[in-house]
Amino acid sequence: MSLRHQIEELTDALAEHETGLLITVDEIHRRLTDDLRALGAIVQHAFREEQELAFVAAGLPASISDLLNDDVLTFLRRADRHFLGAVPLDEVAQAIRETIEGTGRSIADCRTAAEATNGYPFLIQFVGYHVWRQNWTAAVVSTGDVTVGVAAARRRLGSLVLEPSLAGISNVDHAVSARVPARARRRAPAAETCPSLGISSSAG
């Protein structure tokens, strides 16, 4: 049975209980375009048939832009778009502390770890992971562990987020970037503060 028919049967069953199906896709990327086209065709068909189905996708702004400009996925241009801003640092610190405490450990300086994320959702997970894994057998995540973990997260950020985000820019953009004075680069917002952009759509 195809995915399309499975979704039809599932939404019919859920409709009997006055509810519906939510499909979510995280970390949208241009390399997944073929898969997203296939899924998009199924979702669009469900909308036309007025099935109780909603679709939510999230990703970096460049990836979302590629998705919305795709000739096959034009129906998504009518979807609601939500710009996800930075998470308040107090909430970041609380999340890091509670997550580490959930493993039976404690952290000496969760505020420094929180500030290193600039409230960027991906970095919250990434910094938290690298901070936690330092001397992971110790009962307390020390201030030194936080410093080392933050540095490790920042090193990995370039290859995981920044390089893919910049892969599609033109040679002219690269040349302009190379000529930006060092002072201007220092004044510019940190790259890791760039938030994600989400799109959502539903039959309604």
C-alpha atoms as a PDB file:
ATOM      1  CA  MET A   1       0.000   0.000   0.000  1.00  0.00           C
ATOM      2  CA  SER A   2       1.383   3.411  -0.967  1.00  0.00           C
ATOM      3  CA  LEU A   3       2.032   6.168   1.548  1.00  0.00           C
ATOM      4  CA  ARG A   4      -0.748   8.200  -0.020  1.00  0.00           C
ATOM      5  CA  HIS A   5      -3.310   5.463   0.603  1.00  0.00           C
ATOM      6  CA  GLN A   6      -1.988   4.880   4.115  1.00  0.00           C
ATOM      7  CA  ILE A   7      -2.500   8.547   4.910  1.00  0.00           C
ATOM      8  CA  GLU A   8      -5.988   8.460   3.399  1.00  0.00           C
ATOM      9  CA  GLU A   9      -6.953   5.510   5.586  1.00  0.00           C
ATOM     10  CA  LEU A  10      -5.397   7.067   8.668  1.00  0.00           C
ATOM     11  CA  THR A  11      -7.105  10.442   8.216  1.00  0.00           C
ATOM     12  CA  ASP A  12     -10.445   8.692   7.598  1.00  0.00           C
ATOM     13  CA  ALA A  13     -10.014   6.741  10.843  1.00  0.00           C
ATOM     14  CA  LEU A  14      -8.988   9.843  12.783  1.00  0.00           C
ATOM     15  CA  ALA A  15     -11.914  11.841  11.377  1.00  0.00           C
ATOM     16  CA  GLU A  16     -14.290   9.439  13.126  1.00  0.00           C
ATOM     17  CA  HIS A  17     -12.793  10.696  16.394  1.00  0.00           C
ATOM     18  CA  GLU A  18     -13.001  14.338  15.284  1.00  0.00           C
ATOM     19  CA  THR A  19      -9.255  14.736  14.990  1.00  0.00           C
ATOM     20  CA  GLY A  20      -6.632  14.637  12.250  1.00  0.00           C
ATOM     21  CA  LEU A  21      -3.030  13.924  11.265  1.00  0.00           C
ATOM     22  CA  LEU A  22      -0.025  16.233  11.689  1.00  0.00           C
ATOM     23  CA  ILE A  23       3.067  15.609   9.536  1.00  0.00           C
ATOM     24  CA  THR A  24       6.249  17.401  10.635  1.00  0.00           C
ATOM     25  CA  VAL A  25       9.602  17.699   8.881  1.00  0.00           C
ATOM     26  CA  ASP A  26      12.590  19.166  10.701  1.00  0.00           C
ATOM     27  CA  GLU A  27      15.878  20.429   9.240  1.00  0.00           C
ATOM     28  CA  ILE A  28      14.638  21.032   5.708  1.00  0.00           C
ATOM     29  CA  HIS A  29      17.545  20.892   3.253  1.00  0.00           C
ATOM     30  CA  ARG A  30      17.896  21.283  -0.506  1.00  0.00           C
ATOM     31  CA  ARG A  31      19.386  17.783  -0.740  1.00  0.00           C
ATOM     32  CA  LEU A  32      15.994  16.390   0.294  1.00  0.00           C
ATOM     33  CA  THR A  33      14.104  18.100  -2.524  1.00  0.00           C
ATOM     34  CA  ASP A  34      13.057  14.878  -4.294  1.00  0.00           C
ATOM     35  CA  ASP A  35      11.692  13.371  -1.086  1.00  0.00           C
ATOM     36  CA  LEU A  36       9.926  16.619  -0.228  1.00  0.00           C
ATOM     37  CA  ARG A  37       8.350  16.772  -3.676  1.00  0.00           C
ATOM     38  CA  ALA A  38       6.957  13.263  -3.206  1.00  0.00           C
ATOM     39  CA  LEU A  39       5.650  14.143   0.247  1.00  0.00           C
ATOM     40  CA  GLY A  40       4.356  17.495  -0.990  1.00  0.00           C
ATOM     41  CA  ALA A  41       2.298  15.822  -3.726  1.00  0.00           C
ATOM     42  CA  ILE A  42       0.684  13.574  -1.107  1.00  0.00           C
ATOM     43  CA  VAL A  43      -0.037  16.489   1.213  1.00  0.00           C
ATOM     44  CA  GLN A  44      -1.461  18.599  -1.598  1.00  0.00           C
ATOM     45  CA  HIS A  45      -3.747  15.736  -2.628  1.00  0.00           C
ATOM     46  CA  ALA A  46      -4.956  15.439   0.967  1.00  0.00           C
ATOM     47  CA  PHE A  47      -5.746  19.151   1.023  1.00  0.00           C
ATOM     48  CA  ARG A  48      -7.752  18.861  -2.192  1.00  0.00           C
ATOM     49  CA  GLU A  49      -9.698  15.939  -0.735  1.00  0.00           C
ATOM     50  CA  GLU A  50     -10.305  18.038   2.396  1.00  0.00           C
ATOM     51  CA  GLN A  51      -8.740  15.431   4.626  1.00  0.00           C
ATOM     52  CA  GLU A  52      -7.966  16.455   8.214  1.00  0.00           C
ATOM     53  CA  LEU A  53      -4.234  16.849   7.747  1.00  0.00           C
ATOM     54  CA  ALA A  54      -1.688  19.529   8.623  1.00  0.00           C
ATOM     55  CA  PHE A  55       1.920  19.878   7.482  1.00  0.00           C
ATOM     56  CA  VAL A  56       4.695  21.714   9.344  1.00  0.00           C
ATOM     57  CA  ALA A  57       8.317  22.101   8.205  1.00  0.00           C
ATOM     58  CA  ALA A  58      11.275  23.910   9.756  1.00  0.00           C
ATOM     59  CA  GLY A  59      14.763  24.794   8.601  1.00  0.00           C
ATOM     60  CA  LEU A  60      17.304  27.524   8.021  1.00  0.00           C
ATOM     61  CA  PRO A  61      16.059  30.524   5.987  1.00  0.00           C
ATOM     62  CA  ALA A  62      18.018  29.584   2.835  1.00  0.00           C
ATOM     63  CA  SER A  63      16.647  26.042   2.860  1.00  0.00           C
ATOM     64  CA  ILE A  64      13.089  27.227   3.388  1.00  0.00           C
ATOM     65  CA  SER A  65      13.517  29.707   0.537  1.00  0.00           C
ATOM     66  CA  ASP A  66      14.667  26.917  -1.795  1.00  0.00           C
ATOM     67  CA  LEU A  67      11.620  24.887  -0.836  1.00  0.00           C
ATOM     68  CA  LEU A  68       9.189  27.736  -1.445  1.00  0.00           C
ATOM     69  CA  ASN A  69      10.762  28.522  -4.841  1.00  0.00           C
ATOM     70  CA  ASP A  70      10.479  24.930  -6.067  1.00  0.00           C
ATOM     71  CA  ASP A  71       8.260  24.655  -9.164  1.00  0.00           C
ATOM     72  CA  VAL A  72       6.555  21.510  -7.838  1.00  0.00           C
ATOM     73  CA  LEU A  73       5.883  22.669  -4.295  1.00  0.00           C
ATOM     74  CA  THR A  74       4.147  25.921  -5.214  1.00  0.00           C
ATOM     75  CA  PHE A  75       1.201  25.259  -2.891  1.00  0.00           C
ATOM     76  CA  LEU A  76       3.505  25.857   0.083  1.00  0.00           C
ATOM     77  CA  ARG A  77       3.815  29.511  -0.897  1.00  0.00           C
ATOM     78  CA  ARG A  78       0.339  29.973   0.530  1.00  0.00           C
ATOM     79  CA  ALA A  79       1.345  28.460   3.867  1.00  0.00           C
ATOM     80  CA  ASP A  80       1.773  30.474   7.041  1.00  0.00           C
ATOM     81  CA  ARG A  81       5.383  31.363   7.789  1.00  0.00           C
ATOM     82  CA  HIS A  82       6.753  31.899  11.261  1.00  0.00           C
ATOM     83  CA  PHE A  83      10.128  33.446  12.015  1.00  0.00           C
ATOM     84  CA  LEU A  84      11.576  31.797  15.097  1.00  0.00           C
ATOM     85  CA  GLY A  85      13.465  34.337  17.156  1.00  0.00           C
ATOM     86  CA  ALA A  86      16.050  33.748  19.845  1.00  0.00           C
ATOM     87  CA  VAL A  87      15.068  31.828  22.962  1.00  0.00           C
ATOM     88  CA  PRO A  88      15.368  33.960  26.148  1.00  0.00           C
ATOM     89  CA  LEU A  89      18.632  33.144  27.903  1.00  0.00           C
ATOM     90  CA  ASP A  90      16.917  32.486  31.237  1.00  0.00           C
ATOM     91  CA  GLU A  91      14.917  29.739  29.553  1.00  0.00           C
ATOM     92  CA  VAL A  92      18.071  28.412  27.875  1.00  0.00           C
ATOM     93  CA  ALA A  93      19.904  28.226  31.206  1.00  0.00           C
ATOM     94  CA  GLN A  94      16.948  26.455  32.789  1.00  0.00           C
ATOM     95  CA  ALA A  95      16.738  23.945  29.945  1.00  0.00           C
ATOM     96  CA  ILE A  96      20.452  23.137  30.121  1.00  0.00           C
ATOM     97  CA  ARG A  97      20.400  22.803  33.897  1.00  0.00           C
ATOM     98  CA  GLU A  98      17.279  20.609  33.991  1.00  0.00           C
ATOM     99  CA  THR A  99      18.545  18.374  31.195  1.00  0.00           C
ATOM    100  CA  ILE A 100      21.894  17.786  32.902  1.00  0.00           C
ATOM    101  CA  GLU A 101      20.231  17.251  36.256  1.00  0.00           C
ATOM    102  CA  GLY A 102      17.981  14.714  34.567  1.00  0.00           C
ATOM    103  CA  THR A 103      21.074  12.568  34.003  1.00  0.00           C
ATOM    104  CA  GLY A 104      21.920  12.617  37.700  1.00  0.00           C
ATOM    105  CA  ARG A 105      24.591  15.308  37.430  1.00  0.00           C
ATOM    106  CA  SER A 106      24.724  19.030  38.198  1.00  0.00           C
ATOM    107  CA  ILE A 107      26.312  22.017  36.446  1.00  0.00           C
ATOM    108  CA  ALA A 108      28.366  24.747  38.091  1.00  0.00           C
ATOM    109  CA  ASP A 109      27.789  27.505  35.514  1.00  0.00           C
ATOM    110  CA  CYS A 110      24.794  27.029  33.252  1.00  0.00           C
ATOM    111  CA  ARG A 111      24.550  30.797  32.642  1.00  0.00           C
ATOM    112  CA  THR A 112      27.838  30.884  30.710  1.00  0.00           C
ATOM    113  CA  ALA A 113      26.684  27.920  28.642  1.00  0.00           C
ATOM    114  CA  ALA A 114      23.390  29.676  27.942  1.00  0.00           C
ATOM    115  CA  GLU A 115      25.061  32.920  26.881  1.00  0.00           C
ATOM    116  CA  ALA A 116      27.271  31.003  24.443  1.00  0.00           C
ATOM    117  CA  THR A 117      24.161  29.933  22.501  1.00  0.00           C
ATOM    118  CA  ASN A 118      22.852  33.481  21.927  1.00  0.00           C
ATOM    119  CA  GLY A 119      19.433  31.836  22.174  1.00  0.00           C
ATOM    120  CA  TYR A 120      19.902  30.004  18.860  1.00  0.00           C
ATOM    121  CA  PRO A 121      17.861  26.750  19.136  1.00  0.00           C
ATOM    122  CA  PHE A 122      20.400  24.534  17.382  1.00  0.00           C
ATOM    123  CA  LEU A 123      23.221  25.809  19.582  1.00  0.00           C
ATOM    124  CA  ILE A 124      21.175  25.174  22.722  1.00  0.00           C
ATOM    125  CA  GLN A 125      21.224  21.463  21.915  1.00  0.00           C
ATOM    126  CA  PHE A 126      24.773  21.548  20.570  1.00  0.00           C
ATOM    127  CA  VAL A 127      26.379  23.474  23.432  1.00  0.00           C
ATOM    128  CA  GLY A 128      24.430  21.443  25.967  1.00  0.00           C
ATOM    129  CA  TYR A 129      25.687  18.206  24.453  1.00  0.00           C
ATOM    130  CA  HIS A 130      29.338  19.250  24.288  1.00  0.00           C
ATOM    131  CA  VAL A 131      29.257  20.688  27.796  1.00  0.00           C
ATOM    132  CA  TRP A 132      27.666  17.532  29.202  1.00  0.00           C
ATOM    133  CA  ARG A 133      30.112  15.148  27.529  1.00  0.00           C
ATOM    134  CA  GLN A 134      33.187  16.748  29.139  1.00  0.00           C
ATOM    135  CA  ASN A 135      34.302  14.447  31.983  1.00  0.00           C
ATOM    136  CA  TRP A 136      30.895  12.836  31.686  1.00  0.00           C
ATOM    137  CA  THR A 137      31.572  10.439  34.572  1.00  0.00           C
ATOM    138  CA  ALA A 138      31.998  13.333  37.021  1.00  0.00           C
ATOM    139  CA  ALA A 139      29.036  14.247  39.232  1.00  0.00           C
ATOM    140  CA  VAL A 140      29.431  17.967  38.491  1.00  0.00           C
ATOM    141  CA  VAL A 141      29.927  19.715  35.152  1.00  0.00           C
ATOM    142  CA  SER A 142      32.576  22.223  36.182  1.00  0.00           C
ATOM    143  CA  THR A 143      33.152  25.750  34.912  1.00  0.00           C
ATOM    144  CA  GLY A 144      36.175  24.418  33.030  1.00  0.00           C
ATOM    145  CA  ASP A 145      34.010  21.745  31.398  1.00  0.00           C
ATOM    146  CA  VAL A 146      31.623  24.484  30.250  1.00  0.00           C
ATOM    147  CA  THR A 147      34.492  26.476  28.716  1.00  0.00           C
ATOM    148  CA  VAL A 148      35.866  23.458  26.845  1.00  0.00           C
ATOM    149  CA  GLY A 149      32.404  22.320  25.749  1.00  0.00           C
ATOM    150  CA  VAL A 150      31.458  25.747  24.395  1.00  0.00           C
ATOM    151  CA  ALA A 151      34.708  25.936  22.415  1.00  0.00           C
ATOM    152  CA  ALA A 152      34.106  22.476  20.946  1.00  0.00           C
ATOM    153  CA  ALA A 153      30.566  23.401  19.933  1.00  0.00           C
ATOM    154  CA  ARG A 154      31.722  26.581  18.199  1.00  0.00           C
ATOM    155  CA  ARG A 155      34.383  24.687  16.235  1.00  0.00           C
ATOM    156  CA  ARG A 156      31.818  22.183  14.964  1.00  0.00           C
ATOM    157  CA  LEU A 157      29.226  24.846  14.177  1.00  0.00           C
ATOM    158  CA  GLY A 158      31.066  25.930  11.030  1.00  0.00           C
ATOM    159  CA  SER A 159      31.002  22.549   9.293  1.00  0.00           C
ATOM    160  CA  LEU A 160      27.494  21.616  10.400  1.00  0.00           C
ATOM    161  CA  VAL A 161      25.603  24.870   9.889  1.00  0.00           C
ATOM    162  CA  LEU A 162      27.606  27.722   8.380  1.00  0.00           C
ATOM    163  CA  GLU A 163      29.227  25.873   5.479  1.00  0.00           C
ATOM    164  CA  PRO A 164      25.927  24.338   4.218  1.00  0.00           C
ATOM    165  CA  SER A 165      24.200  27.719   4.596  1.00  0.00           C
ATOM    166  CA  LEU A 166      26.881  29.475   2.512  1.00  0.00           C
ATOM    167  CA  ALA A 167      27.257  26.716  -0.077  1.00  0.00           C
ATOM    168  CA  GLY A 168      24.761  28.263  -2.466  1.00  0.00           C
ATOM    169  CA  ILE A 169      26.036  31.846  -2.572  1.00  0.00           C
ATOM    170  CA  SER A 170      27.640  33.165  -5.722  1.00  0.00           C
ATOM    171  CA  ASN A 171      31.306  33.880  -6.405  1.00  0.00           C
ATOM    172  CA  VAL A 172      30.479  37.598  -6.325  1.00  0.00           C
ATOM    173  CA  ASP A 173      29.053  37.236  -2.817  1.00  0.00           C
ATOM    174  CA  HIS A 174      32.185  35.372  -1.749  1.00  0.00           C
ATOM    175  CA  ALA A 175      34.346  38.163  -3.181  1.00  0.00           C
ATOM    176  CA  VAL A 176      32.346  40.898  -1.430  1.00  0.00           C
ATOM    177  CA  SER A 177      32.518  39.013   1.860  1.00  0.00           C
ATOM    178  CA  ALA A 178      36.291  38.688   1.535  1.00  0.00           C
ATOM    179  CA  ARG A 179      36.590  42.487   1.182  1.00  0.00           C
ATOM    180  CA  VAL A 180      34.519  43.345   4.273  1.00  0.00           C
ATOM    181  CA  PRO A 181      36.841  45.110   6.746  1.00  0.00           C
ATOM    182  CA  ALA A 182      37.697  43.166   9.871  1.00  0.00           C
ATOM    183  CA  ARG A 183      36.100  45.876  12.044  1.00  0.00           C
ATOM    184  CA  ALA A 184      32.779  45.497  10.220  1.00  0.00           C
ATOM    185  CA  ARG A 185      32.898  41.722  10.649  1.00  0.00           C
ATOM    186  CA  ARG A 186      33.510  42.147  14.376  1.00  0.00           C
ATOM    187  CA  ARG A 187      30.512  44.462  14.646  1.00  0.00           C
ATOM    188  CA  ALA A 188      28.221  42.151  12.694  1.00  0.00           C
ATOM    189  CA  PRO A 189      25.890  39.829  14.617  1.00  0.00           C
ATOM    190  CA  ALA A 190      27.398  36.445  15.382  1.00  0.00           C
ATOM    191  CA  ALA A 191      26.490  33.864  12.756  1.00  0.00           C
ATOM    192  CA  GLU A 192      25.034  31.514  15.314  1.00  0.00           C
ATOM    193  CA  THR A 193      22.339  34.057  16.216  1.00  0.00           C
ATOM    194  CA  CYS A 194      20.635  33.555  12.862  1.00  0.00           C
ATOM    195  CA  PRO A 195      17.289  31.967  13.697  1.00  0.00           C
ATOM    196  CA  SER A 196      15.414  29.327  11.810  1.00  0.00           C
ATOM    197  CA  LEU A 197      12.335  29.898   9.691  1.00  0.00           C
ATOM    198  CA  GLY A 198       9.349  27.586   9.689  1.00  0.00           C
ATOM    199  CA  ILE A 199       6.406  27.094   7.379  1.00  0.00           C
ATOM    200  CA  SER A 200       3.118  25.458   8.142  1.00  0.00           C
ATOM    201  CA  SER A 201      -0.024  24.615   6.250  1.00  0.00           C
ATOM    202  CA  SER A 202      -3.212  22.701   6.809  1.00  0.00           C
ATOM    203  CA  ALA A 203      -6.365  21.651   5.036  1.00  0.00           C
ATOM    204  CA  GLY A 204      -8.168  24.475   6.796  1.00  0.00           C
END
